[in-house]
């Protein structure tokens, strides 16, 4: 297993552990590791890598639990913080951000 794949597996386990440790949380934000979601981040345009964040969601925009084959899953959303921005890691702050990202993605899909 390459180093990047091993690191991805580690983050996947760590992300799942976060929601088991804090079962009342629906969202969580953390820094992205070096090559995590690299393609998705570059699709967001030129930026400094230190602005990269990952928003983890265990619910969708309607606050319903995300499931895949009947099992709870965690979705990763690449997000760029403003250069001087600090984003509070709370559901109240992250929910509107996620809702807006998902609404914009839905609009783009409908335009295709």
PDB file of N, CA and C in Angstrom:
ATOM      1  N   UNK A   1       0.852  -1.179   0.000  1.00  0.00           N
ATOM      2  CA  UNK A   1       0.000   0.000   0.000  1.00  0.00           C
ATOM      3  C   UNK A   1       0.897   1.241   0.000  1.00  0.00           C
ATOM      4  N   UNK A   2       0.619   2.178  -0.878  1.00  0.00           N
ATOM      5  CA  UNK A   2       1.439   3.384  -0.928  1.00  0.00           C
ATOM      6  C   UNK A   2       1.193   4.234   0.304  1.00  0.00           C
ATOM      7  N   UNK A   3       2.103   5.164   0.535  1.00  0.00           N
ATOM      8  CA  UNK A   3       1.973   6.040   1.700  1.00  0.00           C
ATOM      9  C   UNK A   3       0.672   6.839   1.659  1.00  0.00           C
ATOM     10  N   UNK A   4       0.290   7.344   0.458  1.00  0.00           N
ATOM     11  CA  UNK A   4      -0.946   8.128   0.350  1.00  0.00           C
ATOM     12  C   UNK A   4      -2.171   7.279   0.667  1.00  0.00           C
ATOM     13  N   UNK A   5      -2.193   6.043   0.199  1.00  0.00           N
ATOM     14  CA  UNK A   5      -3.334   5.163   0.476  1.00  0.00           C
ATOM     15  C   UNK A   5      -3.397   4.813   1.956  1.00  0.00           C
ATOM     16  N   UNK A   6      -2.252   4.565   2.561  1.00  0.00           N
ATOM     17  CA  UNK A   6      -2.218   4.259   3.992  1.00  0.00           C
ATOM     18  C   UNK A   6      -2.679   5.465   4.799  1.00  0.00           C
ATOM     19  N   UNK A   7      -2.253   6.651   4.383  1.00  0.00           N
ATOM     20  CA  UNK A   7      -2.671   7.866   5.074  1.00  0.00           C
ATOM     21  C   UNK A   7      -4.169   8.096   4.911  1.00  0.00           C
ATOM     22  N   UNK A   8      -4.705   7.826   3.733  1.00  0.00           N
ATOM     23  CA  UNK A   8      -6.142   7.971   3.498  1.00  0.00           C
ATOM     24  C   UNK A   8      -6.937   7.025   4.399  1.00  0.00           C
ATOM     25  N   UNK A   9      -6.471   5.788   4.535  1.00  0.00           N
ATOM     26  CA  UNK A   9      -7.138   4.821   5.418  1.00  0.00           C
ATOM     27  C   UNK A   9      -7.106   5.292   6.873  1.00  0.00           C
ATOM     28  N   UNK A  10      -5.969   5.847   7.287  1.00  0.00           N
ATOM     29  CA  UNK A  10      -5.841   6.359   8.643  1.00  0.00           C
ATOM     30  C   UNK A  10      -6.847   7.487   8.889  1.00  0.00           C
ATOM     31  N   UNK A  11      -6.946   8.432   7.951  1.00  0.00           N
ATOM     32  CA  UNK A  11      -7.895   9.539   8.109  1.00  0.00           C
ATOM     33  C   UNK A  11      -9.323   9.025   8.119  1.00  0.00           C
ATOM     34  N   UNK A  12      -9.625   8.029   7.282  1.00  0.00           N
ATOM     35  CA  UNK A  12     -10.977   7.465   7.248  1.00  0.00           C
ATOM     36  C   UNK A  12     -11.353   6.892   8.615  1.00  0.00           C
ATOM     37  N   UNK A  13     -10.437   6.150   9.217  1.00  0.00           N
ATOM     38  CA  UNK A  13     -10.696   5.596  10.554  1.00  0.00           C
ATOM     39  C   UNK A  13     -10.822   6.714  11.586  1.00  0.00           C
ATOM     40  N   UNK A  14      -9.943   7.707  11.497  1.00  0.00           N
ATOM     41  CA  UNK A  14      -9.964   8.819  12.437  1.00  0.00           C
ATOM     42  C   UNK A  14     -11.266   9.603  12.322  1.00  0.00           C
ATOM     43  N   UNK A  15     -11.725   9.841  11.086  1.00  0.00           N
ATOM     44  CA  UNK A  15     -12.979  10.580  10.881  1.00  0.00           C
ATOM     45  C   UNK A  15     -14.160   9.824  11.484  1.00  0.00           C
ATOM     46  N   UNK A  16     -14.211   8.520  11.267  1.00  0.00           N
ATOM     47  CA  UNK A  16     -15.285   7.712  11.849  1.00  0.00           C
ATOM     48  C   UNK A  16     -15.223   7.703  13.367  1.00  0.00           C
ATOM     49  N   UNK A  17     -14.021   7.650  13.920  1.00  0.00           N
ATOM     50  CA  UNK A  17     -13.838   7.660  15.367  1.00  0.00           C
ATOM     51  C   UNK A  17     -14.346   8.961  15.969  1.00  0.00           C
ATOM     52  N   UNK A  18     -14.143  10.070  15.262  1.00  0.00           N
ATOM     53  CA  UNK A  18     -14.612  11.360  15.775  1.00  0.00           C
ATOM     54  C   UNK A  18     -16.121  11.311  16.039  1.00  0.00           C
ATOM     55  N   UNK A  19     -16.888  10.800  15.078  1.00  0.00           N
ATOM     56  CA  UNK A  19     -18.339  10.778  15.238  1.00  0.00           C
ATOM     57  C   UNK A  19     -18.799   9.720  16.245  1.00  0.00           C
ATOM     58  N   UNK A  20     -18.012   8.674  16.455  1.00  0.00           N
ATOM     59  CA  UNK A  20     -18.349   7.728  17.524  1.00  0.00           C
ATOM     60  C   UNK A  20     -18.067   8.349  18.894  1.00  0.00           C
ATOM     61  N   UNK A  21     -17.025   9.153  18.962  1.00  0.00           N
ATOM     62  CA  UNK A  21     -16.668   9.813  20.220  1.00  0.00           C
ATOM     63  C   UNK A  21     -17.656  10.934  20.557  1.00  0.00           C
ATOM     64  N   UNK A  22     -18.162  11.608  19.516  1.00  0.00           N
ATOM     65  CA  UNK A  22     -19.114  12.715  19.699  1.00  0.00           C
ATOM     66  C   UNK A  22     -20.396  12.404  18.925  1.00  0.00           C
ATOM     67  N   UNK A  23     -21.223  11.496  19.422  1.00  0.00           N
ATOM     68  CA  UNK A  23     -22.394  11.031  18.674  1.00  0.00           C
ATOM     69  C   UNK A  23     -23.455  12.100  18.426  1.00  0.00           C
ATOM     70  N   UNK A  24     -23.413  13.192  19.171  1.00  0.00           N
ATOM     71  CA  UNK A  24     -24.387  14.261  18.965  1.00  0.00           C
ATOM     72  C   UNK A  24     -23.985  15.216  17.836  1.00  0.00           C
ATOM     73  N   UNK A  25     -22.743  15.109  17.363  1.00  0.00           N
ATOM     74  CA  UNK A  25     -22.264  15.990  16.297  1.00  0.00           C
ATOM     75  C   UNK A  25     -22.694  15.463  14.929  1.00  0.00           C
ATOM     76  N   UNK A  26     -23.021  16.386  14.034  1.00  0.00           N
ATOM     77  CA  UNK A  26     -23.408  16.039  12.660  1.00  0.00           C
ATOM     78  C   UNK A  26     -22.335  16.443  11.660  1.00  0.00           C
ATOM     79  N   UNK A  27     -21.535  17.443  12.012  1.00  0.00           N
ATOM     80  CA  UNK A  27     -20.487  17.971  11.132  1.00  0.00           C
ATOM     81  C   UNK A  27     -19.207  18.155  11.927  1.00  0.00           C
ATOM     82  N   UNK A  28     -18.102  18.191  11.198  1.00  0.00           N
ATOM     83  CA  UNK A  28     -16.792  18.441  11.813  1.00  0.00           C
ATOM     84  C   UNK A  28     -15.903  19.022  10.724  1.00  0.00           C
ATOM     85  N   UNK A  29     -15.065  19.984  11.074  1.00  0.00           N
ATOM     86  CA  UNK A  29     -14.125  20.550  10.112  1.00  0.00           C
ATOM     87  C   UNK A  29     -12.712  20.303  10.615  1.00  0.00           C
ATOM     88  N   UNK A  30     -11.840  19.984   9.680  1.00  0.00           N
ATOM     89  CA  UNK A  30     -10.430  19.760  10.016  1.00  0.00           C
ATOM     90  C   UNK A  30      -9.579  20.187   8.832  1.00  0.00           C
ATOM     91  N   UNK A  31      -8.282  20.318   9.061  1.00  0.00           N
ATOM     92  CA  UNK A  31      -7.361  20.599   7.970  1.00  0.00           C
ATOM     93  C   UNK A  31      -7.272  19.381   7.060  1.00  0.00           C
ATOM     94  N   UNK A  32      -7.057  19.620   5.783  1.00  0.00           N
ATOM     95  CA  UNK A  32      -6.845  18.522   4.843  1.00  0.00           C
ATOM     96  C   UNK A  32      -5.389  18.086   4.918  1.00  0.00           C
ATOM     97  N   UNK A  33      -5.141  16.790   4.786  1.00  0.00           N
ATOM     98  CA  UNK A  33      -3.748  16.375   4.731  1.00  0.00           C
ATOM     99  C   UNK A  33      -3.230  16.633   3.327  1.00  0.00           C
ATOM    100  N   UNK A  34      -1.943  16.547   3.142  1.00  0.00           N
ATOM    101  CA  UNK A  34      -1.261  17.063   1.944  1.00  0.00           C
ATOM    102  C   UNK A  34      -1.939  16.750   0.614  1.00  0.00           C
ATOM    103  N   UNK A  35      -2.206  15.496   0.300  1.00  0.00           N
ATOM    104  CA  UNK A  35      -2.750  15.171  -1.015  1.00  0.00           C
ATOM    105  C   UNK A  35      -4.230  14.785  -0.978  1.00  0.00           C
ATOM    106  N   UNK A  36      -4.870  14.946   0.170  1.00  0.00           N
ATOM    107  CA  UNK A  36      -6.266  14.559   0.311  1.00  0.00           C
ATOM    108  C   UNK A  36      -7.158  15.398  -0.604  1.00  0.00           C
ATOM    109  N   UNK A  37      -7.980  14.726  -1.392  1.00  0.00           N
ATOM    110  CA  UNK A  37      -8.938  15.385  -2.296  1.00  0.00           C
ATOM    111  C   UNK A  37      -8.247  16.404  -3.203  1.00  0.00           C
ATOM    112  N   UNK A  38      -7.025  16.113  -3.621  1.00  0.00           N
ATOM    113  CA  UNK A  38      -6.240  17.077  -4.397  1.00  0.00           C
ATOM    114  C   UNK A  38      -6.970  17.528  -5.666  1.00  0.00           C
ATOM    115  N   UNK A  39      -7.557  16.601  -6.391  1.00  0.00           N
ATOM    116  CA  UNK A  39      -8.276  16.967  -7.614  1.00  0.00           C
ATOM    117  C   UNK A  39      -9.448  17.881  -7.346  1.00  0.00           C
ATOM    118  N   UNK A  40     -10.197  17.579  -6.298  1.00  0.00           N
ATOM    119  CA  UNK A  40     -11.346  18.413  -5.942  1.00  0.00           C
ATOM    120  C   UNK A  40     -10.899  19.817  -5.541  1.00  0.00           C
ATOM    121  N   UNK A  41      -9.784  19.903  -4.805  1.00  0.00           N
ATOM    122  CA  UNK A  41      -9.305  21.221  -4.408  1.00  0.00           C
ATOM    123  C   UNK A  41      -8.823  22.028  -5.611  1.00  0.00           C
ATOM    124  N   UNK A  42      -8.106  21.399  -6.530  1.00  0.00           N
ATOM    125  CA  UNK A  42      -7.624  22.150  -7.687  1.00  0.00           C
ATOM    126  C   UNK A  42      -8.780  22.583  -8.576  1.00  0.00           C
ATOM    127  N   UNK A  43      -9.883  21.856  -8.542  1.00  0.00           N
ATOM    128  CA  UNK A  43     -11.067  22.273  -9.304  1.00  0.00           C
ATOM    129  C   UNK A  43     -11.672  23.555  -8.727  1.00  0.00           C
ATOM    130  N   UNK A  44     -11.325  23.894  -7.489  1.00  0.00           N
ATOM    131  CA  UNK A  44     -11.821  25.118  -6.867  1.00  0.00           C
ATOM    132  C   UNK A  44     -11.011  26.349  -7.258  1.00  0.00           C
ATOM    133  N   UNK A  45      -9.975  26.157  -8.063  1.00  0.00           N
ATOM    134  CA  UNK A  45      -9.164  27.275  -8.543  1.00  0.00           C
ATOM    135  C   UNK A  45      -7.870  27.428  -7.763  1.00  0.00           C
ATOM    136  N   UNK A  46      -7.015  28.345  -8.231  1.00  0.00           N
ATOM    137  CA  UNK A  46      -5.716  28.552  -7.573  1.00  0.00           C
ATOM    138  C   UNK A  46      -5.909  29.016  -6.122  1.00  0.00           C
ATOM    139  N   UNK A  47      -5.086  28.464  -5.228  1.00  0.00           N
ATOM    140  CA  UNK A  47      -5.181  28.807  -3.812  1.00  0.00           C
ATOM    141  C   UNK A  47      -3.940  28.320  -3.085  1.00  0.00           C
ATOM    142  N   UNK A  48      -3.702  28.864  -1.901  1.00  0.00           N
ATOM    143  CA  UNK A  48      -2.633  28.372  -1.033  1.00  0.00           C
ATOM    144  C   UNK A  48      -3.121  27.098  -0.356  1.00  0.00           C
ATOM    145  N   UNK A  49      -2.260  26.092  -0.303  1.00  0.00           N
ATOM    146  CA  UNK A  49      -2.654  24.816   0.296  1.00  0.00           C
ATOM    147  C   UNK A  49      -3.030  24.944   1.768  1.00  0.00           C
ATOM    148  N   UNK A  50      -2.514  25.947   2.462  1.00  0.00           N
ATOM    149  CA  UNK A  50      -2.841  26.088   3.892  1.00  0.00           C
ATOM    150  C   UNK A  50      -4.288  26.544   4.114  1.00  0.00           C
ATOM    151  N   UNK A  51      -5.018  26.869   3.057  1.00  0.00           N
ATOM    152  CA  UNK A  51      -6.431  27.246   3.174  1.00  0.00           C
ATOM    153  C   UNK A  51      -7.359  26.032   3.078  1.00  0.00           C
ATOM    154  N   UNK A  52      -6.804  24.873   2.771  1.00  0.00           N
ATOM    155  CA  UNK A  52      -7.627  23.679   2.544  1.00  0.00           C
ATOM    156  C   UNK A  52      -8.191  23.122   3.849  1.00  0.00           C
ATOM    157  N   UNK A  53      -9.496  22.870   3.822  1.00  0.00           N
ATOM    158  CA  UNK A  53     -10.186  22.244   4.943  1.00  0.00           C
ATOM    159  C   UNK A  53     -11.065  21.122   4.412  1.00  0.00           C
ATOM    160  N   UNK A  54     -11.380  20.196   5.257  1.00  0.00           N
ATOM    161  CA  UNK A  54     -12.335  19.134   4.948  1.00  0.00           C
ATOM    162  C   UNK A  54     -13.482  19.269   5.942  1.00  0.00           C
ATOM    163  N   UNK A  55     -14.694  19.386   5.407  1.00  0.00           N
ATOM    164  CA  UNK A  55     -15.878  19.353   6.259  1.00  0.00           C
ATOM    165  C   UNK A  55     -16.411  17.938   6.189  1.00  0.00           C
ATOM    166  N   UNK A  56     -16.540  17.306   7.326  1.00  0.00           N
ATOM    167  CA  UNK A  56     -17.069  15.950   7.409  1.00  0.00           C
ATOM    168  C   UNK A  56     -18.535  16.025   7.781  1.00  0.00           C
ATOM    169  N   UNK A  57     -19.351  15.255   7.076  1.00  0.00           N
ATOM    170  CA  UNK A  57     -20.801  15.260   7.313  1.00  0.00           C
ATOM    171  C   UNK A  57     -21.258  13.831   7.525  1.00  0.00           C
ATOM    172  N   UNK A  58     -22.098  13.637   8.506  1.00  0.00           N
ATOM    173  CA  UNK A  58     -22.734  12.331   8.628  1.00  0.00           C
ATOM    174  C   UNK A  58     -24.226  12.423   8.359  1.00  0.00           C
ATOM    175  N   UNK A  59     -24.664  13.621   7.937  1.00  0.00           N
ATOM    176  CA  UNK A  59     -26.057  13.837   7.543  1.00  0.00           C
ATOM    177  C   UNK A  59     -26.080  14.628   6.240  1.00  0.00           C
ATOM    178  N   UNK A  60     -27.207  14.577   5.534  1.00  0.00           N
ATOM    179  CA  UNK A  60     -27.341  15.347   4.303  1.00  0.00           C
ATOM    180  C   UNK A  60     -27.907  16.737   4.608  1.00  0.00           C
ATOM    181  N   UNK A  61     -28.231  17.490   3.561  1.00  0.00           N
ATOM    182  CA  UNK A  61     -28.708  18.865   3.737  1.00  0.00           C
ATOM    183  C   UNK A  61     -30.030  18.932   4.479  1.00  0.00           C
ATOM    184  N   UNK A  62     -30.798  17.834   4.476  1.00  0.00           N
ATOM    185  CA  UNK A  62     -32.063  17.798   5.210  1.00  0.00           C
ATOM    186  C   UNK A  62     -31.897  17.184   6.596  1.00  0.00           C
ATOM    187  N   UNK A  63     -30.649  17.008   7.030  1.00  0.00           N
ATOM    188  CA  UNK A  63     -30.329  16.468   8.348  1.00  0.00           C
ATOM    189  C   UNK A  63     -30.675  14.980   8.497  1.00  0.00           C
ATOM    190  N   UNK A  64     -30.774  14.270   7.377  1.00  0.00           N
ATOM    191  CA  UNK A  64     -31.008  12.825   7.410  1.00  0.00           C
ATOM    192  C   UNK A  64     -29.658  12.118   7.384  1.00  0.00           C
ATOM    193  N   UNK A  65     -29.521  11.044   8.147  1.00  0.00           N
ATOM    194  CA  UNK A  65     -28.255  10.313   8.210  1.00  0.00           C
ATOM    195  C   UNK A  65     -27.881   9.761   6.838  1.00  0.00           C
ATOM    196  N   UNK A  66     -26.598   9.894   6.487  1.00  0.00           N
ATOM    197  CA  UNK A  66     -26.090   9.360   5.227  1.00  0.00           C
ATOM    198  C   UNK A  66     -25.846   7.866   5.387  1.00  0.00           C
ATOM    199  N   UNK A  67     -26.401   7.091   4.477  1.00  0.00           N
ATOM    200  CA  UNK A  67     -26.252   5.635   4.512  1.00  0.00           C
ATOM    201  C   UNK A  67     -25.767   5.127   3.167  1.00  0.00           C
ATOM    202  N   UNK A  68     -24.985   4.053   3.196  1.00  0.00           N
ATOM    203  CA  UNK A  68     -24.559   3.351   1.990  1.00  0.00           C
ATOM    204  C   UNK A  68     -24.683   1.869   2.295  1.00  0.00           C
ATOM    205  N   UNK A  69     -25.525   1.188   1.550  1.00  0.00           N
ATOM    206  CA  UNK A  69     -25.803  -0.230   1.811  1.00  0.00           C
ATOM    207  C   UNK A  69     -26.221  -0.464   3.263  1.00  0.00           C
ATOM    208  N   UNK A  70     -27.011   0.465   3.787  1.00  0.00           N
ATOM    209  CA  UNK A  70     -27.538   0.319   5.140  1.00  0.00           C
ATOM    210  C   UNK A  70     -26.588   0.698   6.259  1.00  0.00           C
ATOM    211  N   UNK A  71     -25.368   1.117   5.923  1.00  0.00           N
ATOM    212  CA  UNK A  71     -24.390   1.491   6.943  1.00  0.00           C
ATOM    213  C   UNK A  71     -24.172   2.999   6.936  1.00  0.00           C
ATOM    214  N   UNK A  72     -23.984   3.558   8.124  1.00  0.00           N
ATOM    215  CA  UNK A  72     -23.710   4.985   8.246  1.00  0.00           C
ATOM    216  C   UNK A  72     -22.364   5.307   7.590  1.00  0.00           C
ATOM    217  N   UNK A  73     -22.319   6.410   6.857  1.00  0.00           N
ATOM    218  CA  UNK A  73     -21.090   6.838   6.200  1.00  0.00           C
ATOM    219  C   UNK A  73     -20.805   8.293   6.541  1.00  0.00           C
ATOM    220  N   UNK A  74     -19.578   8.685   6.313  1.00  0.00           N
ATOM    221  CA  UNK A  74     -19.142  10.062   6.511  1.00  0.00           C
ATOM    222  C   UNK A  74     -18.736  10.610   5.152  1.00  0.00           C
ATOM    223  N   UNK A  75     -19.331  11.728   4.775  1.00  0.00           N
ATOM    224  CA  UNK A  75     -19.011  12.377   3.508  1.00  0.00           C
ATOM    225  C   UNK A  75     -17.982  13.469   3.759  1.00  0.00           C
ATOM    226  N   UNK A  76     -16.996  13.562   2.853  1.00  0.00           N
ATOM    227  CA  UNK A  76     -15.983  14.605   2.933  1.00  0.00           C
ATOM    228  C   UNK A  76     -16.304  15.673   1.898  1.00  0.00           C
ATOM    229  N   UNK A  77     -16.311  16.927   2.333  1.00  0.00           N
ATOM    230  CA  UNK A  77     -16.529  18.044   1.425  1.00  0.00           C
ATOM    231  C   UNK A  77     -15.288  18.938   1.473  1.00  0.00           C
ATOM    232  N   UNK A  78     -14.542  19.035   0.356  1.00  0.00           N
ATOM    233  CA  UNK A  78     -13.406  19.961   0.314  1.00  0.00           C
ATOM    234  C   UNK A  78     -13.905  21.404   0.416  1.00  0.00           C
ATOM    235  N   UNK A  79     -13.214  22.224   1.180  1.00  0.00           N
ATOM    236  CA  UNK A  79     -13.638  23.592   1.443  1.00  0.00           C
ATOM    237  C   UNK A  79     -12.404  24.467   1.566  1.00  0.00           C
ATOM    238  N   UNK A  80     -12.456  25.663   0.977  1.00  0.00           N
ATOM    239  CA  UNK A  80     -11.346  26.612   1.096  1.00  0.00           C
ATOM    240  C   UNK A  80     -11.729  27.723   2.068  1.00  0.00           C
ATOM    241  N   UNK A  81     -10.924  27.883   3.094  1.00  0.00           N
ATOM    242  CA  UNK A  81     -11.125  28.982   4.031  1.00  0.00           C
ATOM    243  C   UNK A  81     -10.506  30.245   3.445  1.00  0.00           C
ATOM    244  N   UNK A  82     -11.037  31.402   3.814  1.00  0.00           N
ATOM    245  CA  UNK A  82     -10.387  32.646   3.436  1.00  0.00           C
ATOM    246  C   UNK A  82      -9.059  32.719   4.165  1.00  0.00           C
ATOM    247  N   UNK A  83      -8.134  33.493   3.648  1.00  0.00           N
ATOM    248  CA  UNK A  83      -6.778  33.537   4.191  1.00  0.00           C
ATOM    249  C   UNK A  83      -6.750  33.861   5.684  1.00  0.00           C
ATOM    250  N   UNK A  84      -7.610  34.754   6.132  1.00  0.00           N
ATOM    251  CA  UNK A  84      -7.585  35.166   7.531  1.00  0.00           C
ATOM    252  C   UNK A  84      -8.768  34.608   8.326  1.00  0.00           C
ATOM    253  N   UNK A  85      -9.428  33.608   7.767  1.00  0.00           N
ATOM    254  CA  UNK A  85     -10.663  33.100   8.363  1.00  0.00           C
ATOM    255  C   UNK A  85     -10.416  31.958   9.347  1.00  0.00           C
ATOM    256  N   UNK A  86     -11.078  32.046  10.480  1.00  0.00           N
ATOM    257  CA  UNK A  86     -11.116  30.951  11.432  1.00  0.00           C
ATOM    258  C   UNK A  86     -12.555  30.443  11.455  1.00  0.00           C
ATOM    259  N   UNK A  87     -12.746  29.165  11.261  1.00  0.00           N
ATOM    260  CA  UNK A  87     -14.085  28.594  11.181  1.00  0.00           C
ATOM    261  C   UNK A  87     -14.337  27.767  12.427  1.00  0.00           C
ATOM    262  N   UNK A  88     -15.359  28.146  13.165  1.00  0.00           N
ATOM    263  CA  UNK A  88     -15.699  27.441  14.397  1.00  0.00           C
ATOM    264  C   UNK A  88     -16.180  26.033  14.065  1.00  0.00           C
ATOM    265  N   UNK A  89     -15.687  25.060  14.802  1.00  0.00           N
ATOM    266  CA  UNK A  89     -16.076  23.666  14.599  1.00  0.00           C
ATOM    267  C   UNK A  89     -17.324  23.364  15.424  1.00  0.00           C
ATOM    268  N   UNK A  90     -18.460  23.876  14.944  1.00  0.00           N
ATOM    269  CA  UNK A  90     -19.729  23.599  15.619  1.00  0.00           C
ATOM    270  C   UNK A  90     -20.783  23.319  14.549  1.00  0.00           C
ATOM    271  N   UNK A  91     -21.766  22.514  14.897  1.00  0.00           N
ATOM    272  CA  UNK A  91     -22.827  22.192  13.949  1.00  0.00           C
ATOM    273  C   UNK A  91     -23.593  23.439  13.521  1.00  0.00           C
ATOM    274  N   UNK A  92     -23.797  24.383  14.442  1.00  0.00           N
ATOM    275  CA  UNK A  92     -24.529  25.603  14.118  1.00  0.00           C
ATOM    276  C   UNK A  92     -23.826  26.433  13.045  1.00  0.00           C
ATOM    277  N   UNK A  93     -22.510  26.434  13.043  1.00  0.00           N
ATOM    278  CA  UNK A  93     -21.736  27.178  12.047  1.00  0.00           C
ATOM    279  C   UNK A  93     -21.609  26.374  10.755  1.00  0.00           C
ATOM    280  N   UNK A  94     -21.347  25.078  10.871  1.00  0.00           N
ATOM    281  CA  UNK A  94     -21.075  24.258   9.685  1.00  0.00           C
ATOM    282  C   UNK A  94     -22.324  23.897   8.886  1.00  0.00           C
ATOM    283  N   UNK A  95     -23.477  23.758   9.538  1.00  0.00           N
ATOM    284  CA  UNK A  95     -24.691  23.373   8.815  1.00  0.00           C
ATOM    285  C   UNK A  95     -25.029  24.335   7.680  1.00  0.00           C
ATOM    286  N   UNK A  96     -25.069  25.659   7.898  1.00  0.00           N
ATOM    287  CA  UNK A  96     -25.396  26.546   6.778  1.00  0.00           C
ATOM    288  C   UNK A  96     -24.365  26.490   5.646  1.00  0.00           C
ATOM    289  N   UNK A  97     -23.103  26.281   5.991  1.00  0.00           N
ATOM    290  CA  UNK A  97     -22.062  26.165   4.962  1.00  0.00           C
ATOM    291  C   UNK A  97     -22.323  24.932   4.104  1.00  0.00           C
ATOM    292  N   UNK A  98     -22.571  23.801   4.751  1.00  0.00           N
ATOM    293  CA  UNK A  98     -22.835  22.551   4.028  1.00  0.00           C
ATOM    294  C   UNK A  98     -24.115  22.663   3.207  1.00  0.00           C
ATOM    295  N   UNK A  99     -25.153  23.234   3.790  1.00  0.00           N
ATOM    296  CA  UNK A  99     -26.428  23.390   3.075  1.00  0.00           C
ATOM    297  C   UNK A  99     -26.228  24.203   1.796  1.00  0.00           C
ATOM    298  N   UNK A 100     -25.464  25.294   1.880  1.00  0.00           N
ATOM    299  CA  UNK A 100     -25.219  26.136   0.709  1.00  0.00           C
ATOM    300  C   UNK A 100     -24.373  25.415  -0.337  1.00  0.00           C
ATOM    301  N   UNK A 101     -23.368  24.675   0.094  1.00  0.00           N
ATOM    302  CA  UNK A 101     -22.532  23.909  -0.839  1.00  0.00           C
ATOM    303  C   UNK A 101     -23.379  22.879  -1.574  1.00  0.00           C
ATOM    304  N   UNK A 102     -24.224  22.161  -0.842  1.00  0.00           N
ATOM    305  CA  UNK A 102     -25.065  21.133  -1.463  1.00  0.00           C
ATOM    306  C   UNK A 102     -26.109  21.751  -2.394  1.00  0.00           C
ATOM    307  N   UNK A 103     -26.675  22.904  -2.021  1.00  0.00           N
ATOM    308  CA  UNK A 103     -27.656  23.573  -2.884  1.00  0.00           C
ATOM    309  C   UNK A 103     -26.995  24.041  -4.178  1.00  0.00           C
ATOM    310  N   UNK A 104     -25.781  24.586  -4.083  1.00  0.00           N
ATOM    311  CA  UNK A 104     -25.055  25.015  -5.287  1.00  0.00           C
ATOM    312  C   UNK A 104     -24.726  23.827  -6.186  1.00  0.00           C
ATOM    313  N   UNK A 105     -24.316  22.712  -5.586  1.00  0.00           N
ATOM    314  CA  UNK A 105     -24.005  21.514  -6.376  1.00  0.00           C
ATOM    315  C   UNK A 105     -25.260  20.997  -7.086  1.00  0.00           C
ATOM    316  N   UNK A 106     -26.391  21.031  -6.425  1.00  0.00           N
ATOM    317  CA  UNK A 106     -27.637  20.590  -7.027  1.00  0.00           C
ATOM    318  C   UNK A 106     -28.018  21.481  -8.208  1.00  0.00           C
ATOM    319  N   UNK A 107     -27.853  22.788  -8.066  1.00  0.00           N
ATOM    320  CA  UNK A 107     -28.127  23.722  -9.164  1.00  0.00           C
ATOM    321  C   UNK A 107     -27.248  23.433 -10.371  1.00  0.00           C
ATOM    322  N   UNK A 108     -25.950  23.202 -10.119  1.00  0.00           N
ATOM    323  CA  UNK A 108     -25.021  22.896 -11.216  1.00  0.00           C
ATOM    324  C   UNK A 108     -25.405  21.616 -11.930  1.00  0.00           C
ATOM    325  N   UNK A 109     -25.836  20.606 -11.180  1.00  0.00           N
ATOM    326  CA  UNK A 109     -26.251  19.334 -11.776  1.00  0.00           C
ATOM    327  C   UNK A 109     -27.481  19.519 -12.652  1.00  0.00           C
ATOM    328  N   UNK A 110     -28.412  20.359 -12.236  1.00  0.00           N
ATOM    329  CA  UNK A 110     -29.621  20.595 -13.007  1.00  0.00           C
ATOM    330  C   UNK A 110     -29.329  21.348 -14.304  1.00  0.00           C
ATOM    331  N   UNK A 111     -28.238  22.114 -14.341  1.00  0.00           N
ATOM    332  CA  UNK A 111     -27.873  22.857 -15.542  1.00  0.00           C
ATOM    333  C   UNK A 111     -27.192  21.990 -16.593  1.00  0.00           C
ATOM    334  N   UNK A 112     -26.750  20.822 -16.215  1.00  0.00           N
ATOM    335  CA  UNK A 112     -26.048  19.924 -17.161  1.00  0.00           C
ATOM    336  C   UNK A 112     -26.998  19.331 -18.156  1.00  0.00           C
TER     337      UNK A 112
END
